[in-house]
Amino acid sequence: MSEPRVRAAFVGAGKQANWRHYPAICSLPDVELAAICDLDAAKATETAQRWGVAKTYQDLGRMLDEVDPQVVYLVMGPELVFRPAVQVLQRGKHLFIEKPPGINLNQIRVLAHYAAEHGCLSMVGYQRRFVPAMTELKARVETRGPIHSLSVANLKATRDPSRIAGPGVLDQLSADGGHAVDTLRWLGGGDVTRVTSSVRTLYQAGPVANAVLAQ
């Protein structure tokens, strides 16, 4: 008798989701991707056909009612994440979202509250800590003793500053630069007591800071 598969649903059928997330989910033998929700019906249909998904929706609530997924992957710009994330957590569904988890600290605290209240597992896509090269490097360094001094840099240059932090909603440290802070935290282990950062603009025109150094 085969083991039951985890029933997953996806919100978002854009380029980033198709490039990075659908291939990962569909490669898992114990996961059934049951439905896709996107306001753009054409994108939802195209993505469903590409990955062999049976159902598409434009209404998140209807999808949650009819499909009853155990876990929802929610991939969209940071300015759009909060309301659908709350809706998913209030239904008691486990949730994966891309970084950053909110456009301010209050949104992040509210999402954490609903996850705890409804017993939901949740994850933010700070994937640098899972890269094999990083895990191997950390393990090798720790054979010589605990890591006590760290510096992590993040640089993202583009000709169009509005494309950074999706688009221009957040500063670079709160958006992609969060990878630097999360990597720093993971490498050091334990609880964070203080983060010192330097944020500046390099190699591009415009007012958007795109280079982050965290210590």
N, C-alpha and C. Protein backbone atom coordinates (compact mmCIF):
# COMPACT_ATOMS: atom_id res chain seq x y z
N MET A 1 0.85 -1.20 0.00
CA MET A 1 0.00 0.00 0.00
C MET A 1 0.88 1.24 0.00
N SER A 2 0.64 2.16 -0.93
CA SER A 2 1.47 3.36 -1.05
C SER A 2 1.16 4.35 0.06
N GLU A 3 2.18 5.12 0.42
CA GLU A 3 2.02 6.15 1.45
C GLU A 3 1.19 7.31 0.90
N PRO A 4 0.35 7.95 1.73
CA PRO A 4 -0.42 9.10 1.26
C PRO A 4 0.50 10.26 0.89
N ARG A 5 0.12 10.99 -0.14
CA ARG A 5 0.93 12.12 -0.60
C ARG A 5 0.42 13.41 0.04
N VAL A 6 1.32 14.34 0.22
CA VAL A 6 0.96 15.66 0.73
C VAL A 6 0.26 16.43 -0.37
N ARG A 7 -0.93 16.95 -0.09
CA ARG A 7 -1.70 17.70 -1.08
C ARG A 7 -1.35 19.18 -0.99
N ALA A 8 -0.77 19.70 -2.05
CA ALA A 8 -0.31 21.09 -2.08
C ALA A 8 -1.08 21.89 -3.11
N ALA A 9 -1.17 23.19 -2.87
CA ALA A 9 -1.74 24.13 -3.84
C ALA A 9 -0.79 25.30 -3.98
N PHE A 10 -0.90 25.99 -5.08
CA PHE A 10 0.03 27.07 -5.39
C PHE A 10 -0.72 28.34 -5.71
N VAL A 11 -0.27 29.46 -5.15
CA VAL A 11 -0.81 30.77 -5.49
C VAL A 11 0.30 31.55 -6.18
N GLY A 12 0.09 31.86 -7.46
CA GLY A 12 1.10 32.57 -8.23
C GLY A 12 1.56 31.74 -9.41
N ALA A 13 1.48 32.29 -10.61
CA ALA A 13 1.88 31.58 -11.81
C ALA A 13 2.80 32.44 -12.66
N GLY A 14 3.61 33.24 -11.99
CA GLY A 14 4.51 34.15 -12.70
C GLY A 14 5.84 33.51 -13.05
N LYS A 15 6.74 34.32 -13.58
CA LYS A 15 8.03 33.85 -14.06
C LYS A 15 8.86 33.25 -12.94
N GLN A 16 8.94 33.93 -11.80
CA GLN A 16 9.75 33.45 -10.68
C GLN A 16 9.24 32.10 -10.18
N ALA A 17 7.93 31.97 -10.06
CA ALA A 17 7.36 30.71 -9.58
C ALA A 17 7.66 29.57 -10.55
N ASN A 18 7.48 29.82 -11.85
CA ASN A 18 7.73 28.78 -12.84
C ASN A 18 9.21 28.44 -12.96
N TRP A 19 10.04 29.40 -12.74
CA TRP A 19 11.48 29.19 -12.88
C TRP A 19 12.04 28.41 -11.69
N ARG A 20 11.61 28.75 -10.48
CA ARG A 20 12.25 28.21 -9.29
C ARG A 20 11.39 27.22 -8.50
N HIS A 21 10.12 27.51 -8.32
CA HIS A 21 9.34 26.78 -7.33
C HIS A 21 8.57 25.58 -7.89
N TYR A 22 7.92 25.74 -9.03
CA TYR A 22 7.18 24.61 -9.58
C TYR A 22 8.10 23.41 -9.86
N PRO A 23 9.28 23.61 -10.45
CA PRO A 23 10.14 22.44 -10.67
C PRO A 23 10.49 21.70 -9.38
N ALA A 24 10.72 22.48 -8.31
CA ALA A 24 11.08 21.84 -7.04
C ALA A 24 9.91 21.04 -6.47
N ILE A 25 8.71 21.64 -6.47
CA ILE A 25 7.55 20.96 -5.92
C ILE A 25 7.21 19.71 -6.74
N CYS A 26 7.23 19.85 -8.05
CA CYS A 26 6.84 18.73 -8.90
C CYS A 26 7.87 17.61 -8.92
N SER A 27 9.06 17.85 -8.42
CA SER A 27 10.08 16.79 -8.36
C SER A 27 9.93 15.92 -7.13
N LEU A 28 9.07 16.31 -6.19
CA LEU A 28 8.92 15.57 -4.94
C LEU A 28 7.92 14.43 -5.11
N PRO A 29 8.34 13.18 -4.94
CA PRO A 29 7.42 12.06 -5.18
C PRO A 29 6.30 11.94 -4.17
N ASP A 30 6.45 12.55 -3.00
CA ASP A 30 5.42 12.44 -1.97
C ASP A 30 4.52 13.66 -1.90
N VAL A 31 4.54 14.50 -2.94
CA VAL A 31 3.71 15.70 -2.98
C VAL A 31 2.83 15.68 -4.23
N GLU A 32 1.56 15.96 -4.05
CA GLU A 32 0.62 16.11 -5.16
C GLU A 32 0.26 17.59 -5.29
N LEU A 33 0.65 18.21 -6.40
CA LEU A 33 0.27 19.60 -6.65
C LEU A 33 -1.12 19.59 -7.26
N ALA A 34 -2.13 19.93 -6.44
CA ALA A 34 -3.53 19.71 -6.82
C ALA A 34 -4.18 20.88 -7.54
N ALA A 35 -3.68 22.11 -7.32
CA ALA A 35 -4.36 23.27 -7.90
C ALA A 35 -3.45 24.47 -7.95
N ILE A 36 -3.75 25.39 -8.85
CA ILE A 36 -3.03 26.65 -9.00
C ILE A 36 -4.04 27.79 -8.97
N CYS A 37 -3.72 28.86 -8.26
CA CYS A 37 -4.57 30.05 -8.21
C CYS A 37 -3.77 31.25 -8.69
N ASP A 38 -4.32 32.00 -9.63
CA ASP A 38 -3.71 33.23 -10.10
C ASP A 38 -4.81 34.11 -10.68
N LEU A 39 -4.74 35.41 -10.42
CA LEU A 39 -5.76 36.32 -10.96
C LEU A 39 -5.76 36.34 -12.47
N ASP A 40 -4.62 36.05 -13.07
CA ASP A 40 -4.51 35.98 -14.53
C ASP A 40 -4.85 34.56 -14.97
N ALA A 41 -6.06 34.38 -15.50
CA ALA A 41 -6.52 33.03 -15.87
C ALA A 41 -5.63 32.39 -16.92
N ALA A 42 -5.13 33.17 -17.86
CA ALA A 42 -4.28 32.62 -18.92
C ALA A 42 -2.98 32.08 -18.35
N LYS A 43 -2.38 32.84 -17.42
CA LYS A 43 -1.14 32.36 -16.78
C LYS A 43 -1.38 31.10 -15.97
N ALA A 44 -2.49 31.07 -15.24
CA ALA A 44 -2.81 29.90 -14.44
C ALA A 44 -2.97 28.67 -15.33
N THR A 45 -3.70 28.81 -16.44
CA THR A 45 -3.93 27.69 -17.35
C THR A 45 -2.63 27.22 -17.98
N GLU A 46 -1.81 28.17 -18.44
CA GLU A 46 -0.54 27.82 -19.08
C GLU A 46 0.37 27.08 -18.10
N THR A 47 0.44 27.57 -16.86
CA THR A 47 1.30 26.93 -15.86
C THR A 47 0.77 25.56 -15.50
N ALA A 48 -0.55 25.42 -15.38
CA ALA A 48 -1.15 24.13 -15.06
C ALA A 48 -0.85 23.09 -16.14
N GLN A 49 -0.94 23.49 -17.39
CA GLN A 49 -0.64 22.58 -18.49
C GLN A 49 0.83 22.20 -18.49
N ARG A 50 1.67 23.16 -18.16
CA ARG A 50 3.12 22.90 -18.17
C ARG A 50 3.52 21.88 -17.12
N TRP A 51 2.87 21.93 -15.95
CA TRP A 51 3.28 21.08 -14.83
C TRP A 51 2.26 19.98 -14.51
N GLY A 52 1.27 19.81 -15.36
CA GLY A 52 0.33 18.71 -15.18
C GLY A 52 -0.58 18.85 -13.98
N VAL A 53 -1.06 20.07 -13.74
CA VAL A 53 -1.95 20.33 -12.60
C VAL A 53 -3.39 20.36 -13.10
N ALA A 54 -4.28 19.69 -12.39
CA ALA A 54 -5.64 19.47 -12.89
C ALA A 54 -6.55 20.68 -12.78
N LYS A 55 -6.40 21.49 -11.71
CA LYS A 55 -7.38 22.54 -11.44
C LYS A 55 -6.72 23.90 -11.36
N THR A 56 -7.42 24.92 -11.87
CA THR A 56 -6.96 26.30 -11.75
C THR A 56 -8.09 27.16 -11.19
N TYR A 57 -7.70 28.22 -10.49
CA TYR A 57 -8.66 29.12 -9.85
C TYR A 57 -8.19 30.56 -9.98
N GLN A 58 -9.15 31.47 -9.88
CA GLN A 58 -8.85 32.90 -9.71
C GLN A 58 -9.27 33.40 -8.34
N ASP A 59 -9.90 32.55 -7.55
CA ASP A 59 -10.37 32.91 -6.21
C ASP A 59 -9.71 31.98 -5.19
N LEU A 60 -8.92 32.57 -4.29
CA LEU A 60 -8.18 31.78 -3.31
C LEU A 60 -9.11 31.03 -2.36
N GLY A 61 -10.15 31.72 -1.85
CA GLY A 61 -11.07 31.08 -0.92
C GLY A 61 -11.75 29.87 -1.52
N ARG A 62 -12.15 29.98 -2.76
CA ARG A 62 -12.81 28.86 -3.44
C ARG A 62 -11.84 27.69 -3.58
N MET A 63 -10.60 27.98 -3.94
CA MET A 63 -9.61 26.91 -4.07
C MET A 63 -9.41 26.18 -2.73
N LEU A 64 -9.29 26.96 -1.65
CA LEU A 64 -9.10 26.34 -0.34
C LEU A 64 -10.30 25.48 0.04
N ASP A 65 -11.50 25.94 -0.29
CA ASP A 65 -12.71 25.18 0.02
C ASP A 65 -12.79 23.87 -0.77
N GLU A 66 -12.54 23.95 -2.07
CA GLU A 66 -12.77 22.81 -2.94
C GLU A 66 -11.62 21.81 -2.94
N VAL A 67 -10.41 22.31 -2.85
CA VAL A 67 -9.24 21.42 -2.93
C VAL A 67 -8.78 20.96 -1.55
N ASP A 68 -8.99 21.81 -0.54
CA ASP A 68 -8.59 21.53 0.84
C ASP A 68 -7.13 21.08 0.92
N PRO A 69 -6.20 21.92 0.44
CA PRO A 69 -4.79 21.52 0.47
C PRO A 69 -4.26 21.49 1.90
N GLN A 70 -3.22 20.70 2.11
CA GLN A 70 -2.55 20.68 3.41
C GLN A 70 -1.51 21.79 3.51
N VAL A 71 -0.94 22.14 2.37
CA VAL A 71 0.09 23.18 2.35
C VAL A 71 -0.13 24.06 1.13
N VAL A 72 0.15 25.36 1.29
CA VAL A 72 0.00 26.32 0.20
C VAL A 72 1.33 27.04 -0.02
N TYR A 73 1.76 27.07 -1.27
CA TYR A 73 2.92 27.86 -1.67
C TYR A 73 2.41 29.18 -2.23
N LEU A 74 2.85 30.26 -1.64
CA LEU A 74 2.37 31.59 -2.00
C LEU A 74 3.55 32.41 -2.50
N VAL A 75 3.63 32.62 -3.82
CA VAL A 75 4.78 33.30 -4.42
C VAL A 75 4.30 34.49 -5.23
N MET A 76 4.54 35.68 -4.69
CA MET A 76 4.16 36.92 -5.37
C MET A 76 4.97 38.05 -4.77
N GLY A 77 4.82 39.26 -5.27
CA GLY A 77 5.57 40.40 -4.78
C GLY A 77 5.27 40.71 -3.32
N PRO A 78 6.21 41.30 -2.59
CA PRO A 78 6.04 41.53 -1.15
C PRO A 78 4.87 42.44 -0.81
N GLU A 79 4.48 43.30 -1.74
CA GLU A 79 3.37 44.21 -1.48
C GLU A 79 2.01 43.50 -1.54
N LEU A 80 1.99 42.25 -2.01
CA LEU A 80 0.73 41.52 -2.21
C LEU A 80 0.55 40.33 -1.29
N VAL A 81 1.55 39.98 -0.53
CA VAL A 81 1.57 38.70 0.19
C VAL A 81 0.65 38.66 1.40
N PHE A 82 0.53 39.76 2.13
CA PHE A 82 -0.04 39.72 3.48
C PHE A 82 -1.46 39.16 3.53
N ARG A 83 -2.38 39.71 2.77
CA ARG A 83 -3.79 39.29 2.89
C ARG A 83 -4.00 37.82 2.51
N PRO A 84 -3.48 37.35 1.38
CA PRO A 84 -3.67 35.92 1.11
C PRO A 84 -2.95 35.02 2.11
N ALA A 85 -1.82 35.46 2.66
CA ALA A 85 -1.12 34.65 3.66
C ALA A 85 -1.97 34.51 4.92
N VAL A 86 -2.59 35.61 5.35
CA VAL A 86 -3.48 35.55 6.51
C VAL A 86 -4.65 34.60 6.23
N GLN A 87 -5.23 34.69 5.05
CA GLN A 87 -6.35 33.83 4.68
C GLN A 87 -5.97 32.36 4.74
N VAL A 88 -4.79 32.03 4.24
CA VAL A 88 -4.32 30.64 4.25
C VAL A 88 -4.11 30.16 5.69
N LEU A 89 -3.46 30.96 6.51
CA LEU A 89 -3.17 30.55 7.89
C LEU A 89 -4.44 30.43 8.71
N GLN A 90 -5.39 31.32 8.49
CA GLN A 90 -6.65 31.24 9.23
C GLN A 90 -7.45 29.98 8.89
N ARG A 91 -7.17 29.41 7.73
CA ARG A 91 -7.80 28.14 7.35
C ARG A 91 -7.03 26.94 7.91
N GLY A 92 -5.93 27.20 8.61
CA GLY A 92 -5.15 26.12 9.19
C GLY A 92 -4.26 25.38 8.21
N LYS A 93 -3.86 26.06 7.13
CA LYS A 93 -3.01 25.43 6.12
C LYS A 93 -1.54 25.81 6.37
N HIS A 94 -0.66 24.85 6.21
CA HIS A 94 0.77 25.15 6.28
C HIS A 94 1.13 26.07 5.11
N LEU A 95 2.16 26.90 5.29
CA LEU A 95 2.40 27.98 4.33
C LEU A 95 3.88 28.17 4.04
N PHE A 96 4.20 28.27 2.76
CA PHE A 96 5.52 28.72 2.31
C PHE A 96 5.34 30.03 1.57
N ILE A 97 6.15 31.05 1.94
CA ILE A 97 6.15 32.31 1.20
C ILE A 97 7.58 32.68 0.85
N GLU A 98 7.73 33.49 -0.17
CA GLU A 98 9.05 34.00 -0.54
C GLU A 98 9.44 35.11 0.42
N LYS A 99 10.74 35.41 0.43
CA LYS A 99 11.20 36.56 1.21
C LYS A 99 10.85 37.84 0.45
N PRO A 100 10.68 38.95 1.18
CA PRO A 100 10.62 39.07 2.63
C PRO A 100 9.23 38.66 3.13
N PRO A 101 9.09 38.31 4.42
CA PRO A 101 7.79 37.86 4.91
C PRO A 101 6.77 38.96 5.12
N GLY A 102 7.14 40.22 4.92
CA GLY A 102 6.20 41.33 5.06
C GLY A 102 6.89 42.63 4.69
N ILE A 103 6.10 43.68 4.49
CA ILE A 103 6.69 44.97 4.16
C ILE A 103 6.95 45.81 5.40
N ASN A 104 6.57 45.28 6.57
CA ASN A 104 6.93 45.92 7.84
C ASN A 104 6.88 44.86 8.94
N LEU A 105 7.39 45.22 10.10
CA LEU A 105 7.48 44.27 11.20
C LEU A 105 6.11 43.85 11.70
N ASN A 106 5.13 44.75 11.64
CA ASN A 106 3.79 44.41 12.12
C ASN A 106 3.19 43.28 11.29
N GLN A 107 3.34 43.32 9.97
CA GLN A 107 2.83 42.24 9.14
C GLN A 107 3.46 40.90 9.52
N ILE A 108 4.76 40.91 9.75
CA ILE A 108 5.47 39.68 10.10
C ILE A 108 4.95 39.12 11.42
N ARG A 109 4.75 39.99 12.39
CA ARG A 109 4.23 39.55 13.69
C ARG A 109 2.82 38.99 13.59
N VAL A 110 1.99 39.61 12.75
CA VAL A 110 0.62 39.12 12.56
C VAL A 110 0.64 37.73 11.93
N LEU A 111 1.46 37.52 10.92
CA LEU A 111 1.54 36.21 10.28
C LEU A 111 2.04 35.16 11.27
N ALA A 112 3.04 35.52 12.08
CA ALA A 112 3.53 34.58 13.09
C ALA A 112 2.44 34.25 14.10
N HIS A 113 1.63 35.24 14.45
CA HIS A 113 0.53 35.03 15.38
C HIS A 113 -0.47 34.01 14.84
N TYR A 114 -0.89 34.19 13.60
CA TYR A 114 -1.88 33.28 13.03
C TYR A 114 -1.30 31.87 12.83
N ALA A 115 -0.02 31.79 12.48
CA ALA A 115 0.61 30.48 12.33
C ALA A 115 0.59 29.73 13.65
N ALA A 116 0.92 30.43 14.74
CA ALA A 116 0.92 29.81 16.06
C ALA A 116 -0.49 29.47 16.52
N GLU A 117 -1.42 30.38 16.28
CA GLU A 117 -2.80 30.19 16.73
C GLU A 117 -3.45 28.98 16.08
N HIS A 118 -3.13 28.74 14.81
CA HIS A 118 -3.78 27.66 14.07
C HIS A 118 -2.88 26.43 13.89
N GLY A 119 -1.72 26.43 14.55
CA GLY A 119 -0.84 25.27 14.49
C GLY A 119 -0.26 25.00 13.12
N CYS A 120 0.06 26.05 12.39
CA CYS A 120 0.56 25.91 11.02
C CYS A 120 2.09 25.95 10.99
N LEU A 121 2.67 25.07 10.21
CA LEU A 121 4.08 25.18 9.89
C LEU A 121 4.23 26.26 8.83
N SER A 122 5.25 27.09 8.95
CA SER A 122 5.46 28.16 7.97
C SER A 122 6.94 28.30 7.68
N MET A 123 7.23 28.75 6.47
CA MET A 123 8.63 28.93 6.06
C MET A 123 8.75 30.10 5.11
N VAL A 124 9.81 30.85 5.26
CA VAL A 124 10.16 31.94 4.35
C VAL A 124 11.36 31.49 3.52
N GLY A 125 11.36 31.81 2.23
CA GLY A 125 12.35 31.28 1.31
C GLY A 125 13.73 31.89 1.41
N TYR A 126 14.33 31.84 2.58
CA TYR A 126 15.74 32.20 2.72
C TYR A 126 16.56 30.94 2.49
N GLN A 127 16.77 30.61 1.22
CA GLN A 127 17.31 29.31 0.88
C GLN A 127 18.83 29.23 0.92
N ARG A 128 19.52 30.33 1.15
CA ARG A 128 20.98 30.28 1.12
C ARG A 128 21.53 29.27 2.12
N ARG A 129 20.87 29.11 3.26
CA ARG A 129 21.35 28.20 4.29
C ARG A 129 21.22 26.73 3.90
N PHE A 130 20.51 26.44 2.80
CA PHE A 130 20.35 25.06 2.36
C PHE A 130 21.22 24.73 1.14
N VAL A 131 21.96 25.69 0.62
CA VAL A 131 22.84 25.45 -0.52
C VAL A 131 23.95 24.48 -0.11
N PRO A 132 24.16 23.37 -0.83
CA PRO A 132 25.17 22.38 -0.43
C PRO A 132 26.55 22.97 -0.20
N ALA A 133 26.96 23.92 -1.04
CA ALA A 133 28.28 24.52 -0.84
C ALA A 133 28.36 25.25 0.50
N MET A 134 27.26 25.89 0.90
CA MET A 134 27.24 26.62 2.17
C MET A 134 27.23 25.66 3.36
N THR A 135 26.42 24.61 3.29
CA THR A 135 26.37 23.67 4.41
C THR A 135 27.70 22.95 4.59
N GLU A 136 28.36 22.61 3.48
CA GLU A 136 29.66 21.95 3.57
C GLU A 136 30.71 22.90 4.13
N LEU A 137 30.69 24.16 3.66
CA LEU A 137 31.64 25.15 4.17
C LEU A 137 31.48 25.35 5.67
N LYS A 138 30.24 25.48 6.12
CA LYS A 138 29.97 25.67 7.55
C LYS A 138 30.49 24.48 8.36
N ALA A 139 30.21 23.26 7.87
CA ALA A 139 30.65 22.07 8.59
C ALA A 139 32.17 22.00 8.68
N ARG A 140 32.86 22.36 7.61
CA ARG A 140 34.33 22.30 7.62
C ARG A 140 34.92 23.32 8.59
N VAL A 141 34.37 24.51 8.57
CA VAL A 141 34.89 25.54 9.48
C VAL A 141 34.67 25.14 10.93
N GLU A 142 33.50 24.57 11.22
CA GLU A 142 33.16 24.22 12.60
C GLU A 142 33.97 23.05 13.14
N THR A 143 34.64 22.28 12.26
CA THR A 143 35.53 21.23 12.77
C THR A 143 36.72 21.83 13.52
N ARG A 144 36.99 23.11 13.28
CA ARG A 144 38.11 23.79 13.96
C ARG A 144 37.64 24.57 15.17
N GLY A 145 36.36 24.55 15.43
CA GLY A 145 35.83 25.28 16.58
C GLY A 145 34.64 26.13 16.19
N PRO A 146 33.96 26.72 17.15
CA PRO A 146 32.76 27.53 16.85
C PRO A 146 33.11 28.79 16.06
N ILE A 147 32.17 29.19 15.20
CA ILE A 147 32.34 30.42 14.42
C ILE A 147 32.05 31.61 15.33
N HIS A 148 32.98 32.57 15.38
CA HIS A 148 32.81 33.70 16.29
C HIS A 148 32.83 35.06 15.60
N SER A 149 33.27 35.10 14.34
CA SER A 149 33.35 36.38 13.63
C SER A 149 32.84 36.18 12.21
N LEU A 150 31.87 37.02 11.78
CA LEU A 150 31.21 36.81 10.50
C LEU A 150 31.00 38.12 9.76
N SER A 151 31.08 38.04 8.43
CA SER A 151 30.73 39.16 7.58
C SER A 151 30.11 38.61 6.31
N VAL A 152 28.92 39.10 5.94
CA VAL A 152 28.21 38.60 4.77
C VAL A 152 27.84 39.77 3.88
N ALA A 153 28.08 39.63 2.57
CA ALA A 153 27.78 40.71 1.62
C ALA A 153 26.74 40.25 0.62
N ASN A 154 25.89 41.18 0.18
CA ASN A 154 24.89 40.91 -0.84
C ASN A 154 24.87 42.08 -1.81
N LEU A 155 25.02 41.79 -3.10
CA LEU A 155 25.03 42.83 -4.13
C LEU A 155 24.09 42.41 -5.26
N LYS A 156 23.18 43.30 -5.62
CA LYS A 156 22.28 43.05 -6.74
C LYS A 156 22.22 44.31 -7.59
N ALA A 157 22.81 44.25 -8.77
CA ALA A 157 22.85 45.41 -9.66
C ALA A 157 21.85 45.21 -10.80
N THR A 158 21.21 46.27 -11.22
CA THR A 158 20.27 46.23 -12.32
C THR A 158 20.22 47.59 -13.00
N ARG A 159 19.86 47.61 -14.26
CA ARG A 159 19.72 48.88 -14.98
C ARG A 159 18.40 49.57 -14.66
N ASP A 160 17.48 48.84 -14.04
CA ASP A 160 16.17 49.38 -13.71
C ASP A 160 15.96 49.32 -12.20
N PRO A 161 16.21 50.42 -11.48
CA PRO A 161 16.08 50.41 -10.02
C PRO A 161 14.69 50.03 -9.52
N SER A 162 13.65 50.24 -10.32
CA SER A 162 12.30 49.91 -9.87
C SER A 162 12.09 48.41 -9.72
N ARG A 163 12.99 47.61 -10.31
CA ARG A 163 12.84 46.16 -10.23
C ARG A 163 13.35 45.60 -8.91
N ILE A 164 14.11 46.38 -8.18
CA ILE A 164 14.64 45.91 -6.91
C ILE A 164 13.58 46.01 -5.83
N ALA A 165 13.49 44.99 -5.01
CA ALA A 165 12.60 44.97 -3.84
C ALA A 165 11.15 45.13 -4.23
N GLY A 166 10.81 44.65 -5.34
CA GLY A 166 9.54 44.30 -5.87
C GLY A 166 8.30 45.14 -5.88
N PRO A 167 8.26 46.07 -6.79
CA PRO A 167 9.32 46.93 -7.33
C PRO A 167 9.40 48.22 -6.53
N GLY A 168 10.48 48.43 -5.86
CA GLY A 168 10.71 49.65 -5.10
C GLY A 168 9.89 49.78 -3.83
N VAL A 169 9.19 48.72 -3.42
CA VAL A 169 8.34 48.79 -2.23
C VAL A 169 9.18 48.79 -0.97
N LEU A 170 10.28 48.04 -0.99
CA LEU A 170 11.14 47.91 0.18
C LEU A 170 12.56 48.32 -0.16
N ASP A 171 13.31 48.69 0.87
CA ASP A 171 14.73 48.93 0.68
C ASP A 171 15.44 47.59 0.50
N GLN A 172 16.65 47.65 -0.02
CA GLN A 172 17.37 46.43 -0.38
C GLN A 172 17.68 45.56 0.84
N LEU A 173 17.98 46.14 1.97
CA LEU A 173 18.29 45.35 3.16
C LEU A 173 17.07 44.54 3.61
N SER A 174 15.88 45.13 3.51
CA SER A 174 14.67 44.42 3.93
C SER A 174 14.23 43.38 2.91
N ALA A 175 14.65 43.53 1.66
CA ALA A 175 14.22 42.61 0.61
C ALA A 175 15.32 41.59 0.33
N ASP A 176 15.98 41.66 -0.82
CA ASP A 176 17.00 40.68 -1.15
C ASP A 176 18.16 40.69 -0.17
N GLY A 177 18.47 41.86 0.39
CA GLY A 177 19.55 41.93 1.36
C GLY A 177 19.28 41.14 2.62
N GLY A 178 18.01 40.76 2.82
CA GLY A 178 17.69 39.90 3.95
C GLY A 178 18.40 38.56 3.88
N HIS A 179 18.76 38.14 2.66
CA HIS A 179 19.55 36.91 2.51
C HIS A 179 20.87 37.03 3.28
N ALA A 180 21.47 38.21 3.21
CA ALA A 180 22.75 38.41 3.91
C ALA A 180 22.56 38.27 5.41
N VAL A 181 21.51 38.88 5.93
CA VAL A 181 21.25 38.82 7.37
C VAL A 181 20.91 37.40 7.80
N ASP A 182 20.07 36.71 7.03
CA ASP A 182 19.70 35.34 7.40
C ASP A 182 20.90 34.41 7.34
N THR A 183 21.74 34.57 6.31
CA THR A 183 22.94 33.74 6.21
C THR A 183 23.87 33.99 7.38
N LEU A 184 23.99 35.25 7.76
CA LEU A 184 24.81 35.60 8.91
C LEU A 184 24.30 34.92 10.17
N ARG A 185 23.01 34.97 10.37
CA ARG A 185 22.40 34.37 11.56
C ARG A 185 22.62 32.86 11.57
N TRP A 186 22.39 32.22 10.43
CA TRP A 186 22.55 30.77 10.34
C TRP A 186 23.99 30.33 10.57
N LEU A 187 24.92 31.05 9.97
CA LEU A 187 26.33 30.68 10.14
C LEU A 187 26.77 30.79 11.59
N GLY A 188 26.29 31.83 12.28
CA GLY A 188 26.70 32.04 13.65
C GLY A 188 25.97 31.16 14.64
N GLY A 189 24.73 30.80 14.34
CA GLY A 189 23.94 30.01 15.27
C GLY A 189 23.49 30.83 16.46
N GLY A 190 22.62 30.25 17.29
CA GLY A 190 22.16 30.93 18.49
C GLY A 190 21.20 32.06 18.19
N ASP A 191 20.96 32.87 19.20
CA ASP A 191 20.03 33.99 19.07
C ASP A 191 20.78 35.25 18.63
N VAL A 192 20.09 36.07 17.85
CA VAL A 192 20.68 37.32 17.38
C VAL A 192 20.57 38.37 18.49
N THR A 193 21.67 39.02 18.78
CA THR A 193 21.65 40.11 19.75
C THR A 193 21.80 41.46 19.06
N ARG A 194 22.57 41.52 17.96
CA ARG A 194 22.72 42.78 17.24
C ARG A 194 23.22 42.50 15.83
N VAL A 195 22.70 43.26 14.86
CA VAL A 195 23.19 43.20 13.48
C VAL A 195 23.63 44.60 13.08
N THR A 196 24.86 44.72 12.61
CA THR A 196 25.37 45.98 12.09
C THR A 196 25.45 45.86 10.58
N SER A 197 24.92 46.84 9.85
CA SER A 197 24.88 46.74 8.40
C SER A 197 25.34 48.04 7.75
N SER A 198 25.83 47.88 6.53
CA SER A 198 26.18 49.01 5.67
C SER A 198 25.43 48.84 4.36
N VAL A 199 24.65 49.84 3.97
CA VAL A 199 23.84 49.75 2.76
C VAL A 199 24.21 50.92 1.85
N ARG A 200 24.55 50.63 0.59
CA ARG A 200 24.95 51.70 -0.34
C ARG A 200 24.61 51.29 -1.77
N THR A 201 24.82 52.22 -2.71
CA THR A 201 24.55 51.97 -4.11
C THR A 201 25.86 51.77 -4.86
N LEU A 202 25.93 50.69 -5.64
CA LEU A 202 27.12 50.38 -6.42
C LEU A 202 26.74 49.98 -7.84
N TYR A 203 27.50 50.45 -8.81
CA TYR A 203 27.44 49.98 -10.19
C TYR A 203 26.11 50.21 -10.90
N GLN A 204 25.30 51.16 -10.46
CA GLN A 204 24.05 51.45 -11.16
C GLN A 204 23.62 52.87 -10.85
N ALA A 205 22.82 53.41 -11.77
CA ALA A 205 22.27 54.74 -11.56
C ALA A 205 20.98 54.64 -10.77
N GLY A 206 20.58 55.76 -10.17
CA GLY A 206 19.31 55.80 -9.46
C GLY A 206 19.47 55.83 -7.96
N PRO A 207 18.37 55.98 -7.24
CA PRO A 207 18.41 56.20 -5.80
C PRO A 207 18.36 54.93 -4.95
N VAL A 208 18.26 53.76 -5.58
CA VAL A 208 18.04 52.53 -4.83
C VAL A 208 19.35 51.94 -4.36
N ALA A 209 19.50 51.77 -3.05
CA ALA A 209 20.68 51.11 -2.50
C ALA A 209 20.62 49.62 -2.83
N ASN A 210 21.69 49.06 -3.36
CA ASN A 210 21.66 47.68 -3.82
C ASN A 210 22.77 46.81 -3.25
N ALA A 211 23.64 47.36 -2.42
CA ALA A 211 24.76 46.61 -1.86
C ALA A 211 24.64 46.61 -0.34
N VAL A 212 24.63 45.42 0.25
CA VAL A 212 24.45 45.28 1.69
C VAL A 212 25.61 44.49 2.28
N LEU A 213 26.18 45.00 3.35
CA LEU A 213 27.19 44.27 4.11
C LEU A 213 26.65 44.15 5.54
N ALA A 214 26.53 42.93 6.04
CA ALA A 214 26.00 42.69 7.39
C ALA A 214 27.05 41.98 8.24
N GLN A 215 27.12 42.40 9.50
CA GLN A 215 28.09 41.80 10.44
C GLN A 215 27.42 41.54 11.77
